[in-house]
Amino acid sequence: MEAHGGLRFLLLALHLAAASAALPLVVNTWAFGKAAETAWRVLQMGGSELDAVEKGCAQCEIDQCDGSVGYGGSPDESGETTLDAMIMDGNTMEVGAVADLRRVKNAIGVARKVIEHTKHTLLVGESASLFAVRMGFPYEDLTTSKSLSVYSEWLNQSCQPNYWKNVVPDSSKSCGPYKKAEKVICKEDWTSSQRRISIHNHDTIGMIVIGESGTVASGTSTNGAVHKIPGRVGDSPIAGAGAYADSTAGGAAATGDGDIMMRFLPSYQAVEYMRMGTDPTVACQKVISRIQKYAPKFFGAVICANTTGSYGAACSKTPGFTQFHFMVYSPSLSQPSEQVVDCI
């Protein structure tokens, strides 16, 4: 019996060692390797999980990852680039977020200041920009020659595609200004995102960082949907939608068509599945499947990680989007590792 007891103890010790060896962990959406590397370096230098999320996402803001994070991308209907971001502390459950942020480049940095210097959770629009300036962030032009070119090309294509419905003139054929149609002629087409969103114009960075002790932080940063109606806010800065963190369970982050995804709080739901013991990959798949019941062909993906360092991802299959790439950095890796999952 003693031998069997010793073997059981050894197996348990090996299991615990393997679990702890998986931490710390950095996971982020898309093949944004430099963001993962920056977050990892912050942890190695003694920074907190929140520091790592902030600096990792900020790296994408600087690099203008895929043109869909940071300045100079995704102009709205008036040609302006605006930013959304959030950061969440899984220990205290505090959230800082900004939406429709204008003329300030470091959106996730401003979101962090919302946690540190206010009792609020979300600041928006011009008021968020004024807050940023008070916090020491400079006003900078978020427009570039590239974003102006994207905007000009869109105008020349009769403002196609756009996000209007039930308006006159016909939004599928011409630019506004629009007025509401006297009669509502159609309900929402849940598959319309397929025509409006492509994987190259809506690639939010979402990041999960789990420290050696299992402490979780998460965050997002994006410039939103290209040609969005001014004032539109997607899922990225909304806690539980764009990202979620809970140090008693894990973290999750989403990317894709935020107008659809935010209605289902996929990041919160994924964390709750993991709390119940669901494997991170399965948790991600379950939240994608849940949305697909209503929007079978929506564009989106979710990453998940639990407090033992297990991680996974899932995506919704659409034409041209059959696999999802994401980044992982852990002690077993000498550099960020690009992972791929097949969409469901």
Foldseek 3Di string as FASTA:
>chain_A
DVVVVVVVVVVVVVVLVVLLQLPFKKWKFFPLFVLSVQLVVCVVVPHDNQVSQLSSLQVCQVVCVLVWFWFAHQQAQVLAFFKKKKKAWQAVRAIFIEERHAQFTSRHVLSVVCRVPHPDHYYYDPVSNVSVVVVPTDGHGRHDPNSVVVNVVCVVQQNPPADDAQWPPPNNRHDDPTDHHPDRDDDDDLQCLLRQDDCSRWGKMKMWTAHSQQTIMIMIMTSHGHHYHRPDDFQRRPELQQKHHHSLFWIKGKTFGRVQRNVQSLGNQLSVCRNVVDQQAVSFVVSQVVSCVPRVAGWMKMKIATSSNGIHMETRDHVVCFKTWMWMDGSVDPGIDIDMDGHD
